[in-house]
Amino acid sequence: MRFATQKYFDRDWARLKPEHQRQFIAVVREKFIPSCDAWAQAADDGLPYVWPKSLRVSPIVNGGGIMEMTWSFASPDGRATFHIAAEDGQWICYWRRIGDHGVFRIP
């Protein structure tokens, strides 16, 4: 699976404290990327996928396929939104927003 960012994510990212950026990167590398790879394999096989509970991935209500994940439960209350799409036969995870609960206003 490939990963890309959208303009709101890039703007949100620039506002995060460096230690929060490091926290996010660690969670993505350790948990999210392997989970996305498993999701992609399940999707290719036509099977459902259950995200690890530790990531708290869930669809955003009326979000049209936009999902949210929790990357920190403490300081900060870290959330990120994303959607996954197929392009040219390859899955791409698009990061949409990152921050706290405020990201849900425009996911």
C-alpha atoms as a PDB file:
ATOM      1  CA  MET A   1       0.000   0.000   0.000  1.00  0.00           C
ATOM      2  CA  ARG A   2       1.143   3.513  -0.778  1.00  0.00           C
ATOM      3  CA  PHE A   3       0.540   6.573   1.371  1.00  0.00           C
ATOM      4  CA  ALA A   4      -0.125  10.176   0.394  1.00  0.00           C
ATOM      5  CA  THR A   5      -1.165  13.331   2.201  1.00  0.00           C
ATOM      6  CA  GLN A   6      -3.728  15.949   1.343  1.00  0.00           C
ATOM      7  CA  LYS A   7      -3.340  19.703   1.823  1.00  0.00           C
ATOM      8  CA  TYR A   8      -5.259  19.896   5.120  1.00  0.00           C
ATOM      9  CA  PHE A   9      -3.107  17.129   6.563  1.00  0.00           C
ATOM     10  CA  ASP A  10       0.061  18.925   5.517  1.00  0.00           C
ATOM     11  CA  ARG A  11      -1.156  22.140   7.153  1.00  0.00           C
ATOM     12  CA  ASP A  12      -2.200  20.283  10.340  1.00  0.00           C
ATOM     13  CA  TRP A  13       1.140  18.445  10.406  1.00  0.00           C
ATOM     14  CA  ALA A  14       3.092  21.694  10.361  1.00  0.00           C
ATOM     15  CA  ARG A  15       1.159  22.802  13.477  1.00  0.00           C
ATOM     16  CA  LEU A  16       1.932  19.668  15.494  1.00  0.00           C
ATOM     17  CA  LYS A  17       4.687  19.790  18.068  1.00  0.00           C
ATOM     18  CA  PRO A  18       7.754  17.772  17.016  1.00  0.00           C
ATOM     19  CA  GLU A  19       7.219  15.247  19.835  1.00  0.00           C
ATOM     20  CA  HIS A  20       3.656  14.668  18.636  1.00  0.00           C
ATOM     21  CA  GLN A  21       4.901  14.182  15.091  1.00  0.00           C
ATOM     22  CA  ARG A  22       7.329  11.551  16.409  1.00  0.00           C
ATOM     23  CA  GLN A  23       4.512   9.802  18.304  1.00  0.00           C
ATOM     24  CA  PHE A  24       2.381   9.658  15.165  1.00  0.00           C
ATOM     25  CA  ILE A  25       5.232   8.338  13.022  1.00  0.00           C
ATOM     26  CA  ALA A  26       5.980   5.615  15.584  1.00  0.00           C
ATOM     27  CA  VAL A  27       2.347   4.436  15.673  1.00  0.00           C
ATOM     28  CA  VAL A  28       2.109   4.491  11.893  1.00  0.00           C
ATOM     29  CA  ARG A  29       5.300   2.470  11.462  1.00  0.00           C
ATOM     30  CA  GLU A  30       4.641  -0.027  14.252  1.00  0.00           C
ATOM     31  CA  LYS A  31       0.891  -0.574  13.894  1.00  0.00           C
ATOM     32  CA  PHE A  32      -0.831   1.278  11.089  1.00  0.00           C
ATOM     33  CA  ILE A  33       1.288   0.253   8.091  1.00  0.00           C
ATOM     34  CA  PRO A  34       1.151  -3.477   8.957  1.00  0.00           C
ATOM     35  CA  SER A  35      -2.604  -3.125   9.496  1.00  0.00           C
ATOM     36  CA  CYS A  36      -3.039  -1.393   6.140  1.00  0.00           C
ATOM     37  CA  ASP A  37      -1.108  -4.181   4.443  1.00  0.00           C
ATOM     38  CA  ALA A  38      -3.400  -6.734   6.095  1.00  0.00           C
ATOM     39  CA  TRP A  39      -6.440  -4.670   5.094  1.00  0.00           C
ATOM     40  CA  ALA A  40      -5.252  -4.558   1.468  1.00  0.00           C
ATOM     41  CA  GLN A  41      -4.688  -8.316   1.392  1.00  0.00           C
ATOM     42  CA  ALA A  42      -8.153  -8.943   2.822  1.00  0.00           C
ATOM     43  CA  ALA A  43      -9.714  -6.517   0.320  1.00  0.00           C
ATOM     44  CA  ASP A  44      -7.888  -8.218  -2.573  1.00  0.00           C
ATOM     45  CA  ASP A  45      -9.189 -11.568  -1.335  1.00  0.00           C
ATOM     46  CA  GLY A  46     -12.733 -10.204  -0.956  1.00  0.00           C
ATOM     47  CA  LEU A  47     -12.670 -10.683   2.805  1.00  0.00           C
ATOM     48  CA  PRO A  48     -13.676  -8.335   5.612  1.00  0.00           C
ATOM     49  CA  TYR A  49     -10.956  -6.872   7.810  1.00  0.00           C
ATOM     50  CA  VAL A  50     -11.078  -5.984  11.484  1.00  0.00           C
ATOM     51  CA  TRP A  51      -8.661  -3.212  12.440  1.00  0.00           C
ATOM     52  CA  PRO A  52      -6.641  -3.680  15.653  1.00  0.00           C
ATOM     53  CA  LYS A  53      -8.530  -2.309  18.646  1.00  0.00           C
ATOM     54  CA  SER A  54      -5.458  -0.352  19.744  1.00  0.00           C
ATOM     55  CA  LEU A  55      -5.825   1.955  16.704  1.00  0.00           C
ATOM     56  CA  ARG A  56      -9.543   2.592  17.262  1.00  0.00           C
ATOM     57  CA  VAL A  57     -10.168   2.798  13.519  1.00  0.00           C
ATOM     58  CA  SER A  58     -13.779   3.516  12.676  1.00  0.00           C
ATOM     59  CA  PRO A  59     -15.757   5.130   9.866  1.00  0.00           C
ATOM     60  CA  ILE A  60     -16.823   8.735  10.283  1.00  0.00           C
ATOM     61  CA  VAL A  61     -20.605   8.969  10.336  1.00  0.00           C
ATOM     62  CA  ASN A  62     -21.811  10.308   6.978  1.00  0.00           C
ATOM     63  CA  GLY A  63     -18.152  10.571   5.965  1.00  0.00           C
ATOM     64  CA  GLY A  64     -18.432   8.861   2.598  1.00  0.00           C
ATOM     65  CA  GLY A  65     -15.671   6.344   3.311  1.00  0.00           C
ATOM     66  CA  ILE A  66     -13.507   8.578   5.488  1.00  0.00           C
ATOM     67  CA  MET A  67     -12.103   6.752   8.490  1.00  0.00           C
ATOM     68  CA  GLU A  68     -10.557   7.940  11.725  1.00  0.00           C
ATOM     69  CA  MET A  69      -7.816   6.450  13.843  1.00  0.00           C
ATOM     70  CA  THR A  70      -6.467   7.293  17.260  1.00  0.00           C
ATOM     71  CA  TRP A  71      -2.704   7.619  17.508  1.00  0.00           C
ATOM     72  CA  SER A  72      -2.557   8.964  21.066  1.00  0.00           C
ATOM     73  CA  PHE A  73      -4.916   8.698  24.010  1.00  0.00           C
ATOM     74  CA  ALA A  74      -3.074  11.065  26.313  1.00  0.00           C
ATOM     75  CA  SER A  75      -1.268  14.265  25.466  1.00  0.00           C
ATOM     76  CA  PRO A  76      -2.255  15.074  22.831  1.00  0.00           C
ATOM     77  CA  ASP A  77      -5.585  13.428  22.180  1.00  0.00           C
ATOM     78  CA  GLY A  78      -4.257  12.450  18.747  1.00  0.00           C
ATOM     79  CA  ARG A  79      -6.601  11.703  15.880  1.00  0.00           C
ATOM     80  CA  ALA A  80      -6.071  11.350  12.169  1.00  0.00           C
ATOM     81  CA  THR A  81      -8.513  10.892   9.328  1.00  0.00           C
ATOM     82  CA  PHE A  82      -7.849   8.971   6.145  1.00  0.00           C
ATOM     83  CA  HIS A  83      -9.474   7.173   3.280  1.00  0.00           C
ATOM     84  CA  ILE A  84      -8.254   4.301   1.156  1.00  0.00           C
ATOM     85  CA  ALA A  85      -8.746   4.211  -2.597  1.00  0.00           C
ATOM     86  CA  ALA A  86      -7.609   2.052  -5.479  1.00  0.00           C
ATOM     87  CA  GLU A  87      -5.656   3.704  -8.281  1.00  0.00           C
ATOM     88  CA  ASP A  88      -4.122   1.846 -11.195  1.00  0.00           C
ATOM     89  CA  GLY A  89      -4.574  -1.458  -9.379  1.00  0.00           C
ATOM     90  CA  GLN A  90      -2.815  -0.279  -6.229  1.00  0.00           C
ATOM     91  CA  TRP A  91      -4.240   0.710  -2.836  1.00  0.00           C
ATOM     92  CA  ILE A  92      -3.423   4.192  -1.579  1.00  0.00           C
ATOM     93  CA  CYS A  93      -4.083   5.507   1.918  1.00  0.00           C
ATOM     94  CA  TYR A  94      -4.707   9.245   1.797  1.00  0.00           C
ATOM     95  CA  TRP A  95      -4.084  11.056   5.067  1.00  0.00           C
ATOM     96  CA  ARG A  96      -6.670  13.839   5.308  1.00  0.00           C
ATOM     97  CA  ARG A  97      -6.366  15.530   8.721  1.00  0.00           C
ATOM     98  CA  ILE A  98      -4.317  15.154  11.913  1.00  0.00           C
ATOM     99  CA  GLY A  99      -4.680  16.692  15.362  1.00  0.00           C
ATOM    100  CA  ASP A 100      -7.329  16.394  18.055  1.00  0.00           C
ATOM    101  CA  HIS A 101     -11.128  16.095  17.859  1.00  0.00           C
ATOM    102  CA  GLY A 102     -11.156  19.304  15.814  1.00  0.00           C
ATOM    103  CA  VAL A 103     -10.234  17.277  12.732  1.00  0.00           C
ATOM    104  CA  PHE A 104     -13.800  15.945  12.646  1.00  0.00           C
ATOM    105  CA  ARG A 105     -15.245  19.355  11.709  1.00  0.00           C
ATOM    106  CA  ILE A 106     -13.765  18.971   8.209  1.00  0.00           C
ATOM    107  CA  PRO A 107     -12.553  15.361   8.104  1.00  0.00           C
END
